[in-house]
């Protein structure tokens, strides 16, 4: 499947497929996109490895949702809020929270991320079920 995807046409959301909160977030994105632009891949997937995110980001990659768009890597609250740019209203307006300094946004984000397994659970089989009509948008 990786060989078929030669060029990426849109933003790629890299997510923790074992995390229920992360996969619910993916479902939210799928349901609220303005147009079907996102591509998705799990953090531990082959495609995520081929993107060499850690090289582009120049630090260890957090175990959370990552937005990769046009060679740029966004993590933590910035990734989540930048992804809102492609959503329908009223969710598109969430991108304006980017005006809040990142150290404040990321403090809240990290607190939730640290507790996400405890609060939201995990997929027992470490696998995210992909809706059949959206499979072509998942790179792994």
C-alpha atoms as a PDB file:
ATOM      1  CA  UNK A   1       0.000   0.000   0.000  1.00  0.00           C
ATOM      2  CA  UNK A   2       2.875   2.382   0.740  1.00  0.00           C
ATOM      3  CA  UNK A   3       4.264   2.068  -2.763  1.00  0.00           C
ATOM      4  CA  UNK A   4       0.939   3.242  -4.221  1.00  0.00           C
ATOM      5  CA  UNK A   5       1.073   6.493  -2.235  1.00  0.00           C
ATOM      6  CA  UNK A   6       3.901   8.299  -4.028  1.00  0.00           C
ATOM      7  CA  UNK A   7       2.972  11.866  -3.245  1.00  0.00           C
ATOM      8  CA  UNK A   8       0.947  13.305  -0.412  1.00  0.00           C
ATOM      9  CA  UNK A   9      -1.704  15.771  -1.509  1.00  0.00           C
ATOM     10  CA  UNK A  10      -2.835  16.950   1.885  1.00  0.00           C
ATOM     11  CA  UNK A  11      -2.102  17.061   5.564  1.00  0.00           C
ATOM     12  CA  UNK A  12      -1.306  13.783   7.315  1.00  0.00           C
ATOM     13  CA  UNK A  13      -2.586  13.128  10.813  1.00  0.00           C
ATOM     14  CA  UNK A  14      -0.321  10.718  12.702  1.00  0.00           C
ATOM     15  CA  UNK A  15      -2.055   9.237  15.727  1.00  0.00           C
ATOM     16  CA  UNK A  16      -1.767   6.693  18.533  1.00  0.00           C
ATOM     17  CA  UNK A  17      -3.996   3.892  17.255  1.00  0.00           C
ATOM     18  CA  UNK A  18      -4.091   2.242  20.697  1.00  0.00           C
ATOM     19  CA  UNK A  19      -5.562   5.346  22.355  1.00  0.00           C
ATOM     20  CA  UNK A  20      -9.347   5.652  22.487  1.00  0.00           C
ATOM     21  CA  UNK A  21      -9.179   9.461  22.781  1.00  0.00           C
ATOM     22  CA  UNK A  22      -6.920   9.671  19.738  1.00  0.00           C
ATOM     23  CA  UNK A  23      -9.120   7.425  17.617  1.00  0.00           C
ATOM     24  CA  UNK A  24     -12.227   9.313  18.725  1.00  0.00           C
ATOM     25  CA  UNK A  25     -10.433  12.457  17.599  1.00  0.00           C
ATOM     26  CA  UNK A  26      -9.834  10.844  14.203  1.00  0.00           C
ATOM     27  CA  UNK A  27     -13.532   9.973  13.980  1.00  0.00           C
ATOM     28  CA  UNK A  28     -14.353  13.584  14.872  1.00  0.00           C
ATOM     29  CA  UNK A  29     -12.082  14.853  12.091  1.00  0.00           C
ATOM     30  CA  UNK A  30     -13.638  12.444   9.586  1.00  0.00           C
ATOM     31  CA  UNK A  31     -17.139  13.590  10.538  1.00  0.00           C
ATOM     32  CA  UNK A  32     -16.387  17.319  10.513  1.00  0.00           C
ATOM     33  CA  UNK A  33     -13.959  17.945   7.652  1.00  0.00           C
ATOM     34  CA  UNK A  34     -15.030  20.655   5.265  1.00  0.00           C
ATOM     35  CA  UNK A  35     -13.667  18.541   2.416  1.00  0.00           C
ATOM     36  CA  UNK A  36     -11.988  15.149   2.531  1.00  0.00           C
ATOM     37  CA  UNK A  37      -8.408  16.371   2.738  1.00  0.00           C
ATOM     38  CA  UNK A  38      -6.801  14.517   5.652  1.00  0.00           C
ATOM     39  CA  UNK A  39      -4.749  11.377   5.315  1.00  0.00           C
ATOM     40  CA  UNK A  40      -4.101   9.266   8.405  1.00  0.00           C
ATOM     41  CA  UNK A  41      -1.422   6.907   9.670  1.00  0.00           C
ATOM     42  CA  UNK A  42      -0.704   5.386  13.080  1.00  0.00           C
ATOM     43  CA  UNK A  43       2.390   6.456  15.032  1.00  0.00           C
ATOM     44  CA  UNK A  44       3.801   2.945  14.839  1.00  0.00           C
ATOM     45  CA  UNK A  45       2.984   2.508  11.156  1.00  0.00           C
ATOM     46  CA  UNK A  46       5.445   2.106   8.310  1.00  0.00           C
ATOM     47  CA  UNK A  47       4.383   5.341   6.652  1.00  0.00           C
ATOM     48  CA  UNK A  48       4.955   7.366   9.832  1.00  0.00           C
ATOM     49  CA  UNK A  49       8.453   5.888  10.025  1.00  0.00           C
ATOM     50  CA  UNK A  50       9.163   6.825   6.394  1.00  0.00           C
ATOM     51  CA  UNK A  51       8.253  10.462   7.050  1.00  0.00           C
ATOM     52  CA  UNK A  52      11.274  10.767   9.410  1.00  0.00           C
ATOM     53  CA  UNK A  53       9.317  13.091  11.654  1.00  0.00           C
ATOM     54  CA  UNK A  54      11.955  13.115  14.410  1.00  0.00           C
ATOM     55  CA  UNK A  55      14.546  14.487  11.961  1.00  0.00           C
ATOM     56  CA  UNK A  56      12.223  17.220  10.730  1.00  0.00           C
ATOM     57  CA  UNK A  57      11.099  18.093  14.263  1.00  0.00           C
ATOM     58  CA  UNK A  58      14.646  17.989  15.727  1.00  0.00           C
ATOM     59  CA  UNK A  59      13.498  16.479  19.046  1.00  0.00           C
ATOM     60  CA  UNK A  60      11.822  13.346  20.325  1.00  0.00           C
ATOM     61  CA  UNK A  61       8.311  13.042  18.963  1.00  0.00           C
ATOM     62  CA  UNK A  62       5.579  13.118  21.596  1.00  0.00           C
ATOM     63  CA  UNK A  63       3.286  10.102  21.757  1.00  0.00           C
ATOM     64  CA  UNK A  64       0.207  12.009  20.629  1.00  0.00           C
ATOM     65  CA  UNK A  65      -1.468  13.389  17.535  1.00  0.00           C
ATOM     66  CA  UNK A  66       0.974  14.897  15.038  1.00  0.00           C
ATOM     67  CA  UNK A  67       0.103  16.991  11.992  1.00  0.00           C
ATOM     68  CA  UNK A  68       2.470  16.735   9.029  1.00  0.00           C
ATOM     69  CA  UNK A  69       1.698  19.291   6.327  1.00  0.00           C
ATOM     70  CA  UNK A  70       3.914  20.390   3.442  1.00  0.00           C
ATOM     71  CA  UNK A  71       7.076  19.206   5.187  1.00  0.00           C
ATOM     72  CA  UNK A  72       6.198  20.934   8.469  1.00  0.00           C
ATOM     73  CA  UNK A  73       5.667  19.016  11.704  1.00  0.00           C
ATOM     74  CA  UNK A  74       3.196  20.227  14.319  1.00  0.00           C
ATOM     75  CA  UNK A  75       2.737  18.504  17.666  1.00  0.00           C
ATOM     76  CA  UNK A  76       0.600  18.700  20.786  1.00  0.00           C
ATOM     77  CA  UNK A  77      -1.929  21.546  20.971  1.00  0.00           C
ATOM     78  CA  UNK A  78      -0.555  23.210  17.845  1.00  0.00           C
ATOM     79  CA  UNK A  79      -1.241  20.078  15.777  1.00  0.00           C
ATOM     80  CA  UNK A  80      -4.796  19.776  17.092  1.00  0.00           C
ATOM     81  CA  UNK A  81      -5.617  23.443  16.583  1.00  0.00           C
ATOM     82  CA  UNK A  82      -3.998  23.735  13.146  1.00  0.00           C
ATOM     83  CA  UNK A  83      -6.070  20.727  12.025  1.00  0.00           C
ATOM     84  CA  UNK A  84      -9.186  22.769  12.847  1.00  0.00           C
ATOM     85  CA  UNK A  85      -8.416  24.955   9.817  1.00  0.00           C
ATOM     86  CA  UNK A  86      -9.892  22.221   7.586  1.00  0.00           C
ATOM     87  CA  UNK A  87     -13.039  21.661   9.637  1.00  0.00           C
ATOM     88  CA  UNK A  88     -16.571  22.947   9.135  1.00  0.00           C
ATOM     89  CA  UNK A  89     -17.967  25.740  11.262  1.00  0.00           C
ATOM     90  CA  UNK A  90     -18.207  26.142  14.198  1.00  0.00           C
ATOM     91  CA  UNK A  91     -15.216  23.816  14.813  1.00  0.00           C
ATOM     92  CA  UNK A  92     -13.052  25.758  12.371  1.00  0.00           C
ATOM     93  CA  UNK A  93     -13.055  28.650  14.854  1.00  0.00           C
ATOM     94  CA  UNK A  94     -11.087  26.554  17.351  1.00  0.00           C
ATOM     95  CA  UNK A  95      -7.959  27.442  15.353  1.00  0.00           C
ATOM     96  CA  UNK A  96      -8.085  30.893  16.968  1.00  0.00           C
ATOM     97  CA  UNK A  97      -6.928  29.308  20.237  1.00  0.00           C
ATOM     98  CA  UNK A  98      -3.494  29.316  18.579  1.00  0.00           C
ATOM     99  CA  UNK A  99      -3.259  32.890  19.848  1.00  0.00           C
ATOM    100  CA  UNK A 100      -2.914  31.519  23.382  1.00  0.00           C
ATOM    101  CA  UNK A 101       0.791  31.037  24.122  1.00  0.00           C
ATOM    102  CA  UNK A 102       1.886  27.479  23.392  1.00  0.00           C
ATOM    103  CA  UNK A 103       3.355  26.928  26.859  1.00  0.00           C
ATOM    104  CA  UNK A 104      -0.160  27.354  28.307  1.00  0.00           C
ATOM    105  CA  UNK A 105      -1.905  25.297  25.604  1.00  0.00           C
ATOM    106  CA  UNK A 106       0.688  22.531  25.759  1.00  0.00           C
ATOM    107  CA  UNK A 107       0.533  22.342  29.559  1.00  0.00           C
ATOM    108  CA  UNK A 108      -3.168  21.483  29.317  1.00  0.00           C
ATOM    109  CA  UNK A 109      -2.580  19.206  26.329  1.00  0.00           C
ATOM    110  CA  UNK A 110       0.184  17.258  28.122  1.00  0.00           C
ATOM    111  CA  UNK A 111      -1.951  16.843  31.232  1.00  0.00           C
ATOM    112  CA  UNK A 112      -4.739  15.269  29.156  1.00  0.00           C
ATOM    113  CA  UNK A 113      -2.272  13.209  27.087  1.00  0.00           C
ATOM    114  CA  UNK A 114      -0.584  11.884  30.219  1.00  0.00           C
ATOM    115  CA  UNK A 115      -3.934  10.621  31.545  1.00  0.00           C
ATOM    116  CA  UNK A 116      -5.624   9.627  28.296  1.00  0.00           C
ATOM    117  CA  UNK A 117      -5.285   5.859  28.711  1.00  0.00           C
ATOM    118  CA  UNK A 118      -6.600   6.005  32.256  1.00  0.00           C
ATOM    119  CA  UNK A 119      -9.533   8.306  31.427  1.00  0.00           C
ATOM    120  CA  UNK A 120     -10.521   7.094  27.957  1.00  0.00           C
ATOM    121  CA  UNK A 121      -9.063   3.590  27.711  1.00  0.00           C
ATOM    122  CA  UNK A 122      -7.177   1.755  24.997  1.00  0.00           C
ATOM    123  CA  UNK A 123      -8.015  -0.596  22.177  1.00  0.00           C
ATOM    124  CA  UNK A 124      -7.469  -4.080  23.595  1.00  0.00           C
ATOM    125  CA  UNK A 125      -6.067  -5.392  20.314  1.00  0.00           C
ATOM    126  CA  UNK A 126      -3.985  -2.235  19.695  1.00  0.00           C
ATOM    127  CA  UNK A 127      -5.845  -1.672  16.454  1.00  0.00           C
ATOM    128  CA  UNK A 128      -8.094   1.087  15.174  1.00  0.00           C
ATOM    129  CA  UNK A 129     -11.069   0.046  13.063  1.00  0.00           C
ATOM    130  CA  UNK A 130     -11.149   2.071   9.858  1.00  0.00           C
ATOM    131  CA  UNK A 131     -14.553   2.864   8.336  1.00  0.00           C
ATOM    132  CA  UNK A 132     -14.729   0.955   5.009  1.00  0.00           C
ATOM    133  CA  UNK A 133     -15.595   4.057   2.959  1.00  0.00           C
ATOM    134  CA  UNK A 134     -12.547   5.886   4.362  1.00  0.00           C
ATOM    135  CA  UNK A 135      -9.894   3.140   4.044  1.00  0.00           C
ATOM    136  CA  UNK A 136      -8.270   4.803   1.039  1.00  0.00           C
ATOM    137  CA  UNK A 137      -7.312   7.743   3.292  1.00  0.00           C
ATOM    138  CA  UNK A 138      -5.377   5.587   5.764  1.00  0.00           C
ATOM    139  CA  UNK A 139      -1.789   5.087   4.685  1.00  0.00           C
ATOM    140  CA  UNK A 140      -1.126   2.001   6.853  1.00  0.00           C
END
